[in-house]
Amino acid sequence: MSFMFWQTTRFRIDLARPQVMGIVNATPDSFSDGGVHASAAAAIAHCELLLAEGADILDIGGESTRPGAAPVGVDEELARVLPVLDAVLTLGCPVSIDTHKAEVMAAVLARGADIVNDINALRSPGALDAVAAHPNCGVCLMHMRGTPASMQDRPRYVDVVDEVAAFLREREAALLARGVDAERIAFDPGIGFGKSVAHNIELLRRQRELLAALGPGRPLLVGWSRKSTLGAITGRDVGERRFASVAAALAAVQSGARIVRVHDVAATVDALKVWQAAGLPAG
C-alpha cells in the first residue's frame, strides 16, 4: 500500500493505520438502530461512547439513506445535525457529516466540520460548489445508482467493478478541475446502494482490482456494517450482524481499504488490533 494521508479541515489524517469511522445516526428512522440516537443529547452521548471505544472519526447523519427512505428537508436535517456537530467539534476528533444537500454542506463547513461524506458524490445542485469553495475540507465520494427510494429496483451492471471505478474517477476529475487537491478526496464503492447481493460480494472479492483502477494513493472508505447483504449471507436480522460486520470490515482492510465505517466500533477496533499485531500485509 502506498503511503497516504486524507486532508480535512482540521486534521491531516495518516492512513498508514486503518481508520475506524463511527456511525452516528441523528435520525428517527435508521435501518440499523431504530432511531435510538435521534435526540441531540442521545447522539452526543453516543459520539462520546464511540470515541471511548476507539473511533478515529465520527460520521453524523441527519437523513436516513436506507432503501426506500423518504427525503428530509434542509431545515429538518440541519435541526438534527447542527446541535450534535457543535458539541462534537469540541471532542478533538475529525467530524464528518453525511449529507448530499449543498445547503447542509455549506452550513456544516461554515461551523467547522472536517469532512463531507456524500452518497451522491456531489451531483446534487450546488454540492460541488460548496466543497470546492472550502480551502481544505475532506470529501468522500460514494457510488450510488438511483436514489435511496429507487436504488434497489433490480440494479444491473455489465461489470460492477469497472462501472463503479469509472464513476468515481469521473467525480474525482470534476473536483480536481475545480482546484480541489487529490489529498482531500476519498472514495466509497457504495455497498448496498443500487447493488444486488452478488454485486456487493463482487466488489469485496475484487476490491484490490477496484483500487488499482482508481489509481495509486487513492484511499478507499468502505461501509459494510449491518448491511442487508450480510443478512443474506448469514441469515441474521440487522441487530444480529455484529460478527459479520466485523468480518467484512477486516476483509475490506485486508484488501486495501483505509477507512471502515462501522456501528460496532469496539469490536472492529479490537479485530484490527489483532490484525495489526500479526503484521499481515494489506492491499
Protein backbone atom coordinates (compact mmCIF):
# COMPACT_ATOMS: atom_id res chain seq x y z
CA MET A 1 0.00 0.00 0.00
CA SER A 2 1.33 3.45 -0.87
CA PHE A 3 1.80 5.93 1.96
CA MET A 4 -1.14 8.34 2.06
CA PHE A 5 -2.99 10.97 4.03
CA TRP A 6 -6.52 12.33 3.97
CA GLN A 7 -6.53 16.12 4.27
CA THR A 8 -9.54 17.50 6.16
CA THR A 9 -10.49 20.86 7.63
CA ARG A 10 -8.60 20.50 10.92
CA PHE A 11 -6.73 17.20 10.54
CA ARG A 12 -4.33 15.62 8.08
CA ILE A 13 -5.28 12.02 8.77
CA ASP A 14 -2.47 9.49 8.50
CA LEU A 15 -3.87 6.46 6.71
CA ALA A 16 -0.86 4.24 7.37
CA ARG A 17 -3.06 2.76 10.09
CA PRO A 18 -6.63 1.83 9.07
CA GLN A 19 -9.10 4.36 10.44
CA VAL A 20 -12.39 3.43 12.12
CA MET A 21 -15.26 5.81 11.35
CA GLY A 22 -18.06 5.53 13.89
CA ILE A 23 -21.63 5.96 12.64
CA VAL A 24 -23.92 8.40 14.44
CA ASN A 25 -27.48 8.39 13.10
CA ALA A 26 -29.26 11.53 14.35
CA THR A 27 -32.43 10.28 12.67
CA PRO A 28 -35.69 8.70 13.83
CA ASP A 29 -35.76 6.09 11.05
CA SER A 30 -32.31 4.49 10.69
CA PHE A 31 -32.37 0.91 9.42
CA SER A 32 -29.69 -0.14 11.91
CA ASP A 33 -30.63 1.34 15.27
CA GLY A 34 -34.30 2.31 15.04
CA GLY A 35 -33.69 5.95 15.85
CA VAL A 36 -32.34 5.44 19.38
CA HIS A 37 -29.92 8.37 18.86
CA ALA A 38 -32.48 10.72 17.30
CA SER A 39 -32.30 13.38 20.02
CA ALA A 40 -29.28 15.67 20.12
CA ALA A 41 -28.43 14.62 23.67
CA ALA A 42 -28.57 10.92 22.78
CA ALA A 43 -26.49 11.45 19.63
CA ILE A 44 -23.84 13.44 21.53
CA ALA A 45 -23.64 10.77 24.22
CA HIS A 46 -23.25 8.14 21.52
CA CYS A 47 -20.40 10.14 19.95
CA GLU A 48 -18.61 10.19 23.31
CA LEU A 49 -19.13 6.45 23.69
CA LEU A 50 -17.75 5.70 20.21
CA LEU A 51 -14.65 7.77 20.91
CA ALA A 52 -14.13 5.91 24.18
CA GLU A 53 -14.39 2.66 22.21
CA GLY A 54 -11.61 3.78 19.87
CA ALA A 55 -13.28 5.52 16.92
CA ASP A 56 -10.88 7.69 14.91
CA ILE A 57 -13.55 9.65 13.00
CA LEU A 58 -17.22 10.35 13.73
CA ASP A 59 -19.76 10.43 10.88
CA ILE A 60 -23.00 12.23 11.74
CA GLY A 61 -26.08 11.89 9.56
CA GLY A 62 -29.42 13.66 9.77
CA GLU A 63 -31.26 11.84 6.97
CA SER A 64 -31.74 8.10 6.60
CA THR A 65 -30.42 6.64 3.34
CA ARG A 66 -31.81 3.14 3.81
CA PRO A 67 -33.53 1.60 0.77
CA GLY A 68 -36.93 3.24 0.33
CA ALA A 69 -36.18 6.11 2.71
CA ALA A 70 -38.26 9.28 2.34
CA PRO A 71 -36.32 12.52 1.78
CA VAL A 72 -35.89 15.08 4.57
CA GLY A 73 -35.98 18.86 4.09
CA VAL A 74 -32.93 21.06 4.57
CA ASP A 75 -34.27 22.77 7.70
CA GLU A 76 -35.13 19.48 9.39
CA GLU A 77 -31.76 17.94 8.54
CA LEU A 78 -29.91 20.97 9.91
CA ALA A 79 -32.02 20.94 13.08
CA ARG A 80 -30.96 17.33 13.66
CA VAL A 81 -27.27 17.76 12.78
CA LEU A 82 -26.08 21.19 13.94
CA PRO A 83 -26.50 20.76 17.72
CA VAL A 84 -24.61 17.46 17.54
CA LEU A 85 -21.90 18.94 15.32
CA ASP A 86 -21.35 21.92 17.60
CA ALA A 87 -20.83 19.64 20.60
CA VAL A 88 -18.67 17.06 18.84
CA LEU A 89 -16.33 19.66 17.35
CA THR A 90 -15.01 20.14 20.90
CA LEU A 91 -14.03 16.46 21.30
CA GLY A 92 -10.75 16.60 19.36
CA CYS A 93 -11.53 14.17 16.53
CA PRO A 94 -12.29 14.57 12.82
CA VAL A 95 -16.03 15.08 12.28
CA SER A 96 -17.75 14.01 9.08
CA ILE A 97 -21.26 15.00 8.03
CA ASP A 98 -23.20 12.51 5.93
CA THR A 99 -25.30 14.63 3.55
CA HIS A 100 -25.99 15.14 -0.14
CA LYS A 101 -27.52 18.63 0.14
CA ALA A 102 -25.43 21.68 -0.81
CA GLU A 103 -27.18 23.87 1.75
CA VAL A 104 -26.33 21.44 4.55
CA MET A 105 -22.75 21.12 3.33
CA ALA A 106 -22.27 24.89 3.31
CA ALA A 107 -23.77 25.24 6.80
CA VAL A 108 -21.73 22.47 8.43
CA LEU A 109 -18.50 23.56 6.77
CA ALA A 110 -19.09 27.10 8.00
CA ARG A 111 -19.41 25.64 11.54
CA GLY A 112 -16.10 23.78 11.20
CA ALA A 113 -16.95 20.25 10.00
CA ASP A 114 -13.91 18.36 8.74
CA ILE A 115 -15.41 16.08 6.08
CA VAL A 116 -18.40 15.94 3.75
CA ASN A 117 -19.48 12.34 3.20
CA ASP A 118 -21.82 12.36 0.20
CA ILE A 119 -23.72 9.30 -1.02
CA ASN A 120 -24.47 11.26 -4.21
CA ALA A 121 -20.82 12.13 -4.96
CA LEU A 122 -21.52 15.90 -5.20
CA ARG A 123 -24.03 15.53 -8.03
CA SER A 124 -26.81 17.48 -6.26
CA PRO A 125 -27.20 21.12 -7.38
CA GLY A 126 -24.57 23.31 -5.73
CA ALA A 127 -22.80 20.44 -3.90
CA LEU A 128 -19.63 20.61 -5.98
CA ASP A 129 -19.53 24.38 -5.43
CA ALA A 130 -19.92 24.01 -1.65
CA VAL A 131 -16.93 21.68 -1.34
CA ALA A 132 -14.76 23.46 -3.93
CA ALA A 133 -15.31 26.77 -2.14
CA HIS A 134 -13.77 25.42 1.06
CA PRO A 135 -9.97 25.65 1.29
CA ASN A 136 -9.22 22.23 2.75
CA CYS A 137 -12.21 20.13 3.87
CA GLY A 138 -12.13 16.42 3.19
CA VAL A 139 -14.73 14.78 1.00
CA CYS A 140 -15.84 11.20 0.41
CA LEU A 141 -17.38 10.45 -2.98
CA MET A 142 -19.69 7.42 -2.95
CA HIS A 143 -21.08 5.43 -5.85
CA MET A 144 -24.85 5.05 -5.88
CA ARG A 145 -27.11 4.07 -8.75
CA GLY A 146 -30.53 5.69 -8.48
CA THR A 147 -31.79 7.24 -5.25
CA PRO A 148 -32.44 5.72 -1.81
CA ALA A 149 -36.10 5.41 -2.82
CA SER A 150 -35.34 3.52 -6.05
CA MET A 151 -31.80 2.15 -5.84
CA GLN A 152 -32.70 -1.47 -5.10
CA ASP A 153 -35.15 -1.78 -8.01
CA ARG A 154 -33.35 -4.56 -9.91
CA PRO A 155 -29.89 -2.94 -10.25
CA ARG A 156 -27.93 -4.12 -13.29
CA TYR A 157 -24.26 -3.84 -14.30
CA VAL A 158 -22.18 -5.28 -17.10
CA ASP A 159 -19.13 -5.20 -14.81
CA VAL A 160 -19.81 -3.66 -11.40
CA VAL A 161 -16.13 -3.05 -10.56
CA ASP A 162 -15.38 -1.32 -13.86
CA GLU A 163 -18.53 0.81 -13.67
CA VAL A 164 -18.02 1.86 -10.06
CA ALA A 165 -14.38 2.75 -10.75
CA ALA A 166 -15.28 4.76 -13.87
CA PHE A 167 -17.94 6.71 -11.98
CA LEU A 168 -15.62 7.52 -9.07
CA ARG A 169 -12.82 8.62 -11.42
CA GLU A 170 -15.25 10.91 -13.24
CA ARG A 171 -16.42 12.51 -9.99
CA GLU A 172 -12.82 12.93 -8.84
CA ALA A 173 -12.00 14.63 -12.14
CA ALA A 174 -14.83 17.11 -11.58
CA LEU A 175 -13.35 18.05 -8.19
CA LEU A 176 -9.77 18.23 -9.43
CA ALA A 177 -10.92 20.55 -12.23
CA ARG A 178 -12.24 22.90 -9.54
CA GLY A 179 -8.85 23.03 -7.84
CA VAL A 180 -9.57 20.55 -5.02
CA ASP A 181 -6.37 18.77 -4.04
CA ALA A 182 -6.35 14.98 -4.50
CA GLU A 183 -5.34 14.50 -0.84
CA ARG A 184 -8.76 15.81 0.18
CA ILE A 185 -10.64 13.05 -1.67
CA ALA A 186 -11.61 9.55 -0.52
CA PHE A 187 -13.81 7.04 -2.35
CA ASP A 188 -16.62 4.72 -1.27
CA PRO A 189 -17.86 1.92 -3.57
CA GLY A 190 -21.33 2.22 -2.03
CA ILE A 191 -22.01 -1.26 -0.68
CA GLY A 192 -25.78 -1.74 -0.74
CA PHE A 193 -26.52 1.41 -2.73
CA GLY A 194 -28.04 0.33 -6.03
CA LYS A 195 -26.41 -3.10 -5.94
CA SER A 196 -27.56 -6.67 -5.50
CA VAL A 197 -26.08 -9.13 -3.02
CA ALA A 198 -23.94 -10.54 -5.84
CA HIS A 199 -22.71 -7.07 -6.83
CA ASN A 200 -21.70 -6.28 -3.24
CA ILE A 201 -19.83 -9.56 -2.85
CA GLU A 202 -18.11 -8.98 -6.20
CA LEU A 203 -16.92 -5.55 -5.04
CA LEU A 204 -15.36 -7.11 -1.94
CA ARG A 205 -13.85 -10.05 -3.81
CA ARG A 206 -12.31 -7.73 -6.43
CA GLN A 207 -11.58 -4.77 -4.16
CA ARG A 208 -7.86 -4.78 -4.99
CA GLU A 209 -8.82 -4.51 -8.65
CA LEU A 210 -11.07 -1.56 -7.85
CA LEU A 211 -8.25 0.19 -6.00
CA ALA A 212 -5.88 -0.36 -8.92
CA ALA A 213 -8.44 1.16 -11.28
CA LEU A 214 -8.78 4.23 -9.05
CA GLY A 215 -5.03 4.82 -9.14
CA PRO A 216 -2.20 4.89 -6.60
CA GLY A 217 -2.65 6.76 -3.35
CA ARG A 218 -6.45 6.87 -3.56
CA PRO A 219 -7.97 5.99 -0.17
CA LEU A 220 -10.98 3.72 -0.06
CA LEU A 221 -13.67 4.12 2.62
CA VAL A 222 -15.93 1.08 2.92
CA GLY A 223 -19.19 0.62 4.83
CA TRP A 224 -20.34 -2.97 5.26
CA SER A 225 -21.73 -2.55 8.75
CA ARG A 226 -25.04 -4.37 9.31
CA LYS A 227 -25.88 -4.23 5.58
CA SER A 228 -28.58 -6.49 4.15
CA THR A 229 -26.01 -8.46 2.12
CA LEU A 230 -24.57 -9.68 5.43
CA GLY A 231 -28.08 -10.75 6.38
CA ALA A 232 -28.41 -12.63 3.11
CA ILE A 233 -25.10 -14.40 3.74
CA THR A 234 -25.68 -15.26 7.40
CA GLY A 235 -29.47 -15.39 7.66
CA ARG A 236 -29.35 -12.97 10.61
CA ASP A 237 -31.52 -9.93 11.30
CA VAL A 238 -29.98 -6.46 11.38
CA GLY A 239 -29.47 -6.48 15.15
CA GLU A 240 -27.53 -9.75 14.96
CA ARG A 241 -24.95 -8.83 12.34
CA ARG A 242 -22.10 -7.57 14.53
CA PHE A 243 -19.80 -10.52 13.91
CA ALA A 244 -20.47 -10.50 10.17
CA SER A 245 -19.90 -6.74 10.10
CA VAL A 246 -16.53 -7.05 11.82
CA ALA A 247 -15.51 -9.85 9.46
CA ALA A 248 -16.46 -7.76 6.42
CA ALA A 249 -14.59 -4.72 7.75
CA LEU A 250 -11.48 -6.81 8.36
CA ALA A 251 -11.72 -8.36 4.89
CA ALA A 252 -12.04 -4.88 3.37
CA VAL A 253 -8.95 -3.63 5.24
CA GLN A 254 -7.03 -6.78 4.26
CA SER A 255 -7.85 -5.89 0.64
CA GLY A 256 -6.63 -2.30 0.97
CA ALA A 257 -9.45 -0.18 2.45
CA ARG A 258 -8.04 2.59 4.65
CA ILE A 259 -11.25 3.69 6.42
CA VAL A 260 -14.10 1.45 7.59
CA ARG A 261 -17.43 3.00 8.51
CA VAL A 262 -18.99 0.96 11.32
CA HIS A 263 -21.61 0.83 14.04
CA ASP A 264 -19.75 -1.63 16.29
CA VAL A 265 -16.63 0.39 16.99
CA ALA A 266 -15.15 -1.51 19.94
CA ALA A 267 -15.40 -4.89 18.22
CA THR A 268 -13.92 -3.54 15.00
CA VAL A 269 -11.06 -1.77 16.79
CA ASP A 270 -10.18 -4.98 18.65
CA ALA A 271 -10.22 -7.03 15.45
CA LEU A 272 -7.94 -4.53 13.72
CA LYS A 273 -5.51 -4.57 16.66
CA VAL A 274 -5.14 -8.34 16.26
CA TRP A 275 -4.68 -7.97 12.51
CA GLN A 276 -2.03 -5.29 13.01
CA ALA A 277 -0.23 -7.28 15.71
CA ALA A 278 0.10 -10.16 13.24
CA GLY A 279 1.74 -7.81 10.75
CA LEU A 280 -0.42 -9.02 7.89
CA PRO A 281 0.00 -7.03 4.64
CA ALA A 282 -2.85 -5.06 3.12
CA GLY A 283 -3.67 -4.29 -0.47
